[in-house]
Protein backbone atom coordinates (compact mmCIF):
# COMPACT_ATOMS: atom_id res chain seq x y z
CA MET A 1 -76.89 -32.31 11.32
CA GLU A 2 -77.65 -28.69 12.21
CA LEU A 3 -75.79 -25.69 13.56
CA GLU A 4 -77.60 -23.92 16.38
CA LYS A 5 -75.69 -20.63 16.61
CA ASP A 6 -73.50 -18.41 14.51
CA ARG A 7 -71.24 -16.22 16.64
CA ILE A 8 -68.47 -13.65 16.10
CA VAL A 9 -65.11 -14.04 17.84
CA HIS A 10 -62.80 -11.10 17.14
CA GLY A 11 -64.51 -10.67 13.75
CA CYS A 12 -64.48 -14.41 12.83
CA SER A 13 -67.50 -16.69 12.45
CA VAL A 14 -67.78 -19.64 14.83
CA CYS A 15 -70.33 -22.48 14.46
CA PHE A 16 -71.27 -24.71 17.36
CA VAL A 17 -72.74 -28.04 16.27
CA SER A 18 -75.61 -29.45 18.24
CA GLY A 19 -75.36 -33.03 19.46
CA GLY A 20 -71.60 -32.93 20.03
CA ALA A 21 -70.75 -34.85 16.84
CA VAL A 22 -68.59 -32.05 15.45
CA SER A 23 -67.13 -29.02 17.19
CA LEU A 24 -65.66 -26.23 15.05
CA ARG A 25 -63.88 -23.25 16.54
CA LEU A 26 -62.06 -20.67 14.46
CA GLY A 27 -59.45 -18.40 15.99
CA CYS A 28 -58.40 -15.01 14.53
CA LYS A 29 -54.93 -14.17 13.40
CA GLY A 30 -53.37 -11.69 15.68
CA SER A 31 -55.79 -12.16 18.53
CA SER A 32 -54.51 -12.73 22.06
CA GLY A 33 -55.96 -13.46 25.44
CA PRO A 34 -59.45 -14.69 26.11
CA SER A 35 -61.91 -14.40 23.22
CA ARG A 36 -64.87 -12.15 23.67
CA ARG A 37 -68.11 -13.43 22.10
CA PHE A 38 -70.82 -11.24 20.70
CA ALA A 39 -74.15 -12.81 19.71
CA VAL A 40 -75.35 -11.72 16.30
CA GLY A 41 -78.59 -13.73 16.08
CA ARG A 42 -79.73 -17.31 15.54
CA ARG A 43 -79.96 -19.25 12.34
CA ARG A 44 -80.00 -22.90 11.29
CA CYS A 45 -77.60 -24.45 8.75
CA ARG A 46 -76.64 -27.97 7.80
CA VAL A 47 -73.16 -29.51 8.04
CA GLN A 48 -72.35 -31.25 4.75
CA LEU A 49 -69.87 -33.71 6.15
CA SER A 50 -70.62 -35.27 9.52
CA ALA A 51 -68.94 -37.93 11.58
CA GLU A 52 -71.85 -40.22 10.82
CA THR A 53 -71.40 -39.72 7.08
CA VAL A 54 -67.71 -40.56 7.30
CA ARG A 55 -68.47 -43.70 9.27
CA ASP A 56 -71.10 -44.71 6.70
CA GLU A 57 -68.62 -44.23 3.86
CA HIS A 58 -66.00 -46.34 5.61
CA ARG A 59 -68.62 -49.00 6.27
CA ASP A 60 -69.71 -49.02 2.61
CA THR A 61 -66.09 -49.23 1.42
CA ALA A 62 -65.38 -52.12 3.78
CA SER A 63 -68.53 -53.86 2.55
CA ARG A 64 -67.53 -53.47 -1.11
CA THR A 65 -63.99 -54.69 -0.36
CA LYS A 66 -65.39 -57.70 1.48
CA LYS A 67 -67.64 -58.40 -1.53
CA TRP A 68 -64.82 -58.89 -4.06
CA LYS A 69 -62.84 -60.89 -1.53
CA ASP A 70 -65.87 -63.11 -0.99
CA GLU A 71 -66.20 -63.45 -4.76
CA GLY A 72 -62.62 -64.71 -4.95
CA ASP A 73 -63.29 -67.27 -2.22
CA PHE A 74 -66.45 -68.39 -4.03
CA ALA A 75 -64.60 -68.84 -7.34
CA LEU A 76 -61.83 -70.90 -5.73
CA LYS A 77 -64.29 -73.11 -3.84
CA ALA A 78 -66.35 -73.58 -7.01
CA ALA A 79 -63.22 -74.73 -8.85
CA PHE A 80 -62.48 -77.43 -6.26
CA ALA A 81 -66.14 -78.43 -6.07
CA ASN A 82 -66.20 -79.04 -9.82
CA VAL A 83 -63.04 -81.17 -9.62
CA ALA A 84 -64.72 -83.27 -6.92
CA ALA A 85 -67.88 -83.56 -9.03
CA GLY A 86 -65.86 -84.70 -12.05
CA LEU A 87 -64.26 -87.44 -9.99
CA LEU A 88 -67.48 -88.60 -8.33
CA ILE A 89 -69.96 -88.65 -11.24
CA PRO A 90 -68.50 -91.72 -13.05
CA ALA A 91 -68.08 -93.62 -9.79
CA LEU A 92 -71.66 -92.90 -8.71
CA ALA A 93 -73.04 -93.91 -12.12
CA ALA A 94 -71.02 -97.14 -12.09
CA ALA A 95 -72.16 -97.90 -8.54
CA TYR A 96 -75.79 -97.38 -9.59
CA GLN A 97 -75.44 -99.74 -12.56
CA ALA A 98 -73.29 -102.41 -10.90
CA GLY A 99 -74.77 -105.38 -9.08
CA SER A 100 -71.49 -106.39 -7.47
CA LEU A 101 -68.04 -105.09 -6.67
CA GLU A 102 -66.58 -107.01 -9.57
CA GLU A 103 -69.08 -105.49 -12.00
CA PHE A 104 -68.34 -102.03 -10.57
CA GLN A 105 -64.62 -102.52 -11.23
CA THR A 106 -65.34 -103.72 -14.77
CA LEU A 107 -67.50 -100.67 -15.50
CA MET A 108 -64.89 -98.29 -14.08
CA SER A 109 -62.09 -99.83 -16.14
CA ASN A 110 -64.09 -99.98 -19.38
CA ARG A 111 -67.19 -97.82 -19.75
CA TYR A 112 -66.04 -94.95 -17.53
CA VAL A 113 -62.29 -94.84 -18.11
CA SER A 114 -62.78 -92.24 -20.88
CA HIS A 115 -64.42 -89.92 -18.33
CA TYR A 116 -61.27 -89.81 -16.25
CA GLU A 117 -59.05 -89.49 -19.31
CA LEU A 118 -60.97 -86.42 -20.47
CA LEU A 119 -61.01 -84.97 -16.96
CA ALA A 120 -57.23 -85.37 -16.79
CA LEU A 121 -56.84 -83.67 -20.18
CA LEU A 122 -59.05 -80.76 -19.13
CA LEU A 123 -57.40 -80.29 -15.75
CA GLY A 124 -53.98 -80.51 -17.40
CA PHE A 125 -55.02 -77.83 -19.88
CA GLY A 126 -56.30 -75.65 -17.04
CA ALA A 127 -53.11 -76.07 -15.04
CA ALA A 128 -50.96 -75.21 -18.07
CA HIS A 129 -53.16 -72.28 -19.03
CA SER A 130 -53.34 -70.73 -15.55
CA GLY A 131 -49.74 -71.64 -14.77
CA LEU A 132 -48.41 -69.90 -17.85
CA ALA A 133 -50.62 -66.89 -17.08
CA SER A 134 -49.17 -66.70 -13.55
CA LEU A 135 -45.63 -66.81 -14.95
CA ARG A 136 -46.36 -64.07 -17.48
CA ALA A 137 -44.71 -61.20 -15.59
CA THR A 138 -41.52 -63.20 -15.00
CA VAL A 139 -41.27 -64.74 -18.45
CA THR A 140 -41.98 -61.55 -20.40
CA GLU A 141 -39.06 -59.82 -18.71
CA VAL A 142 -36.79 -62.40 -20.34
CA ILE A 143 -38.34 -63.10 -23.75
CA GLY A 144 -40.75 -60.20 -24.26
CA GLU A 145 -44.52 -60.00 -24.58
CA ARG A 146 -44.86 -61.20 -28.20
CA LEU A 147 -42.77 -64.35 -27.76
CA TYR A 148 -44.62 -65.13 -24.56
CA ARG A 149 -47.99 -64.94 -26.32
CA LEU A 150 -46.74 -67.09 -29.19
CA GLY A 151 -45.51 -69.69 -26.71
CA PHE A 152 -48.80 -69.47 -24.82
CA ALA A 153 -50.75 -70.09 -28.03
CA PHE A 154 -48.39 -72.92 -29.05
CA VAL A 155 -49.19 -74.75 -25.80
CA SER A 156 -52.88 -73.83 -25.44
CA ILE A 157 -54.32 -74.22 -28.93
CA PRO A 158 -53.20 -77.83 -29.70
CA TRP A 159 -54.21 -78.90 -26.19
CA ALA A 160 -57.63 -77.29 -26.61
CA VAL A 161 -58.13 -79.01 -29.99
CA LEU A 162 -57.20 -82.35 -28.40
CA ASN A 163 -59.76 -81.81 -25.63
CA ILE A 164 -62.51 -80.88 -28.08
CA GLY A 165 -61.79 -83.84 -30.34
CA TYR A 166 -61.71 -86.30 -27.47
CA PHE A 167 -64.99 -85.01 -26.07
CA ILE A 168 -66.76 -85.23 -29.43
CA ALA A 169 -65.52 -88.77 -29.98
CA HIS A 170 -66.64 -89.96 -26.52
CA ARG A 171 -69.64 -87.73 -25.82
CA TYR A 172 -72.04 -90.70 -25.55
CA ASP A 173 -69.83 -92.75 -23.22
CA GLY A 174 -71.15 -93.68 -19.82
CA MET A 175 -74.73 -93.75 -18.62
CA GLN A 176 -77.68 -92.18 -20.46
CA LEU A 177 -79.46 -89.98 -17.90
CA TRP A 178 -82.17 -88.29 -20.00
CA ARG A 179 -83.26 -87.53 -23.55
CA ILE A 180 -84.77 -84.21 -24.61
CA GLN A 181 -84.63 -84.81 -28.36
CA GLY A 182 -88.17 -84.74 -29.67
CA ILE A 183 -89.44 -82.31 -27.02
CA PRO A 184 -90.95 -79.30 -28.81
CA GLY A 185 -88.62 -76.30 -28.69
CA ALA A 186 -85.72 -78.20 -27.09
CA SER A 187 -83.49 -78.06 -30.17
CA GLU A 188 -84.11 -74.34 -30.67
CA ALA A 189 -83.47 -73.58 -26.99
CA VAL A 190 -80.17 -75.46 -27.04
CA TRP A 191 -79.02 -73.76 -30.25
CA ILE A 192 -79.89 -70.26 -28.97
CA SER A 193 -78.17 -70.93 -25.63
CA ALA A 194 -75.03 -72.21 -27.34
CA ALA A 195 -74.96 -69.17 -29.63
CA LEU A 196 -75.45 -66.77 -26.72
CA SER A 197 -72.55 -68.39 -24.86
CA PHE A 198 -70.19 -67.15 -27.59
CA PHE A 199 -71.48 -63.59 -27.23
CA LEU A 200 -70.27 -63.65 -23.62
CA LEU A 201 -66.66 -63.75 -24.80
CA TYR A 202 -66.63 -59.92 -24.82
CA PRO A 203 -65.84 -59.53 -28.54
CA ALA A 204 -65.57 -55.75 -28.26
CA THR A 205 -62.27 -56.21 -26.39
CA PHE A 206 -60.96 -59.03 -28.58
CA ASN A 207 -57.94 -58.01 -30.64
CA LEU A 208 -56.85 -60.76 -33.03
CA LEU A 209 -53.73 -58.85 -33.99
CA GLU A 210 -52.52 -58.93 -30.39
CA ILE A 211 -53.31 -62.62 -30.02
CA ALA A 212 -51.34 -63.32 -33.17
CA ALA A 213 -48.51 -61.19 -31.72
CA VAL A 214 -48.65 -58.84 -34.73
CA GLN A 215 -49.25 -55.81 -32.52
CA LYS A 216 -47.66 -55.16 -29.16
CA PRO A 217 -50.13 -56.29 -26.50
CA THR A 218 -51.42 -53.68 -24.08
CA PHE A 219 -53.39 -54.00 -20.88
CA ARG A 220 -56.86 -52.46 -20.71
CA ILE A 221 -59.49 -52.68 -18.01
CA TYR A 222 -62.87 -52.43 -19.70
CA GLU A 223 -65.94 -51.32 -17.82
CA THR A 224 -68.46 -51.08 -20.62
CA GLY A 225 -70.89 -53.41 -22.37
CA ILE A 226 -70.84 -56.96 -21.11
CA MET A 227 -68.31 -56.06 -18.41
CA ARG A 228 -71.03 -54.10 -16.63
CA ILE A 229 -72.95 -57.36 -16.29
CA THR A 230 -69.97 -59.40 -15.07
CA ARG A 231 -66.23 -58.86 -15.15
CA HIS A 232 -65.77 -62.55 -16.07
CA PRO A 233 -68.11 -63.06 -19.05
CA GLN A 234 -66.04 -65.93 -20.45
CA LEU A 235 -66.70 -67.95 -17.29
CA TRP A 236 -70.47 -67.54 -17.59
CA GLY A 237 -70.38 -68.17 -21.32
CA GLN A 238 -68.75 -71.49 -20.49
CA VAL A 239 -71.41 -72.19 -17.85
CA LEU A 240 -74.14 -71.63 -20.45
CA TRP A 241 -72.33 -73.80 -23.02
CA CYS A 242 -71.99 -76.63 -20.49
CA ILE A 243 -75.67 -76.47 -19.51
CA CYS A 244 -77.03 -76.63 -23.06
CA HIS A 245 -74.64 -79.37 -24.25
CA SER A 246 -75.17 -81.50 -21.14
CA ALA A 247 -78.94 -81.14 -21.55
CA TRP A 248 -78.87 -82.12 -25.22
CA ILE A 249 -76.50 -85.11 -25.02
CA GLY A 250 -77.86 -86.40 -21.73
CA THR A 251 -75.03 -88.78 -20.74
CA THR A 252 -72.57 -88.68 -17.87
CA MET A 253 -69.71 -87.71 -20.21
CA PRO A 254 -70.74 -84.06 -20.80
CA LEU A 255 -71.29 -83.69 -17.06
CA VAL A 256 -67.69 -84.70 -16.41
CA ALA A 257 -66.50 -82.48 -19.27
CA SER A 258 -68.47 -79.59 -17.79
CA ALA A 259 -66.93 -80.19 -14.38
CA GLY A 260 -63.43 -80.02 -15.85
CA LEU A 261 -64.18 -76.93 -17.94
CA LEU A 262 -65.82 -75.06 -15.09
CA ALA A 263 -63.05 -75.98 -12.68
CA HIS A 264 -60.60 -74.37 -15.12
CA HIS A 265 -62.72 -71.25 -15.65
CA PHE A 266 -63.50 -70.65 -11.97
CA LEU A 267 -59.82 -71.10 -11.15
CA GLY A 268 -58.98 -68.72 -14.00
CA ALA A 269 -61.38 -66.09 -12.62
CA TRP A 270 -59.81 -66.35 -9.16
CA ASN A 271 -56.26 -66.36 -10.50
CA GLY A 272 -56.92 -63.51 -12.93
CA ASP A 273 -58.32 -61.27 -10.21
CA ARG A 274 -55.44 -62.18 -7.93
CA ARG A 275 -52.79 -61.33 -10.53
CA LEU A 276 -54.40 -58.03 -11.51
CA ARG A 277 -54.74 -56.99 -7.87
CA LEU A 278 -51.06 -57.76 -7.23
CA LYS A 279 -50.04 -55.76 -10.29
CA TYR A 280 -52.42 -52.80 -10.16
CA GLY A 281 -53.31 -52.64 -6.47
CA ASN A 282 -55.81 -49.99 -5.46
CA GLU A 283 -56.78 -49.23 -9.07
CA TRP A 284 -57.98 -52.78 -9.60
CA GLU A 285 -59.69 -52.89 -6.19
CA LYS A 286 -61.80 -49.87 -7.09
CA TYR A 287 -62.66 -51.50 -10.41
CA ALA A 288 -63.65 -54.74 -8.62
CA GLU A 289 -65.82 -52.74 -6.19
CA ARG A 290 -67.77 -51.30 -9.13
CA THR A 291 -68.21 -54.64 -10.93
CA SER A 292 -69.26 -58.16 -9.97
CA LEU A 293 -68.40 -61.78 -10.57
CA ILE A 294 -72.04 -62.90 -10.46
CA PRO A 295 -73.93 -61.70 -13.57
CA PHE A 296 -76.16 -58.62 -13.08
CA GLU A 297 -75.33 -58.27 -9.37
CA ALA A 298 -73.60 -54.90 -9.85
CA VAL A 299 -76.50 -53.72 -12.04
CA LEU A 300 -79.18 -54.75 -9.57
CA ASP A 301 -77.53 -53.06 -6.58
CA GLY A 302 -76.89 -49.83 -8.48
CA ARG A 303 -73.13 -50.00 -9.01
CA GLN A 304 -73.55 -50.24 -12.80
CA LYS A 305 -76.07 -49.05 -15.37
CA LEU A 306 -76.50 -50.77 -18.73
CA ASP A 307 -76.33 -48.77 -21.95
CA ILE A 308 -77.61 -50.59 -25.02
CA ARG A 309 -75.38 -48.46 -27.26
CA GLU A 310 -72.29 -50.12 -25.77
CA PHE A 311 -73.43 -53.44 -27.24
CA MET A 312 -73.72 -52.06 -30.76
CA LYS A 313 -70.17 -52.73 -31.89
CA PRO A 314 -68.77 -54.12 -35.17
CA ALA A 315 -67.05 -56.93 -33.26
CA TYR A 316 -70.42 -58.54 -32.61
CA ILE A 317 -70.93 -58.86 -36.37
CA GLY A 318 -67.74 -60.92 -36.51
CA VAL A 319 -68.88 -63.11 -33.63
CA THR A 320 -72.25 -63.65 -35.34
CA ALA A 321 -70.46 -64.72 -38.52
CA PHE A 322 -68.28 -67.08 -36.45
CA ILE A 323 -71.35 -68.65 -34.81
CA VAL A 324 -73.07 -69.19 -38.17
CA GLY A 325 -69.89 -70.71 -39.63
CA LEU A 326 -69.48 -72.96 -36.60
CA SER A 327 -73.05 -74.19 -36.90
CA LYS A 328 -72.41 -75.10 -40.55
CA ALA A 329 -69.20 -76.93 -39.60
CA HIS A 330 -70.82 -78.71 -36.65
CA PRO A 331 -71.74 -81.87 -38.62
CA ILE A 332 -68.13 -82.21 -39.74
CA MET A 333 -66.88 -81.74 -36.16
CA LEU A 334 -69.20 -84.48 -34.94
CA ARG A 335 -67.40 -86.94 -37.23
CA ALA A 336 -64.16 -86.45 -35.27
CA LYS A 337 -64.11 -90.10 -34.27
CA GLU A 338 -63.97 -91.10 -37.92
CA ILE A 339 -61.21 -88.60 -38.69
CA ILE A 340 -59.05 -88.75 -35.55
CA PRO A 341 -58.41 -92.15 -33.93
CA PHE A 342 -59.03 -91.43 -30.23
């Protein structure tokens, strides 16, 4: 936008803006009566802040606000969609295999009952996990942050171990859908994908002393490293884990397990954002505007820029050691059915 004239009114500069978008008139202290105008020449200058610019900024802000609200709606719908998928997959497989209603009922009560048992365990774990997280503010006022985290771990860890053990023991239950064993490169691709899924657990922000309630927990919003890619890396790490394990095992059981796990993680993403917004308000909203739920979305549209140096942290060495140790222990874990009578 341009200024057409620069005038003097009682010794003060006055700019008249062409187009009528902005009108600026400056009066002079001590002046009275009608102003006399004296032309001092013509020049062109640009207004830095225009009405159009303000409207554009408001429009961009509204768009960014709508984006994180839409992300919340997407996460909640994805959670319910995964619950529905977990319920339908065994029934559809049994219907495909059954030749009669009686055979369908027999399959559902025998071959596929473990699918629903695992789904119930996973959904129960998710409800307990998210429920305790939602009660955190209320409970910590009574018992304190350390006791809350100890109680949270006391409930979550045994339940998680039970889910893992049950899945391992029943991973081949149900219908065999495909087999990729023997395909060149399949084993390596699955192993690399599973390892990468653990790197999405943002190890640079992982404080074992706080989890063990040795140090007083503190709240930190991180906007570096993996958080520039997505503010919910654990969710997408779980997605990757589910894809590679479902592909390798190839039965209906890992599909149901994946549905339960992803229902929990999508619900956790929605609930986590909701709780942080209620607690931190505008500060969290600005953070959500700069980040994204969908991986790389904020990077691709220019809200974030990746810096490789932020990924060079000692914590990743610990995660690498954990992954190597887990791979060595994997054969022992696969014998869970022999060790634990599920």
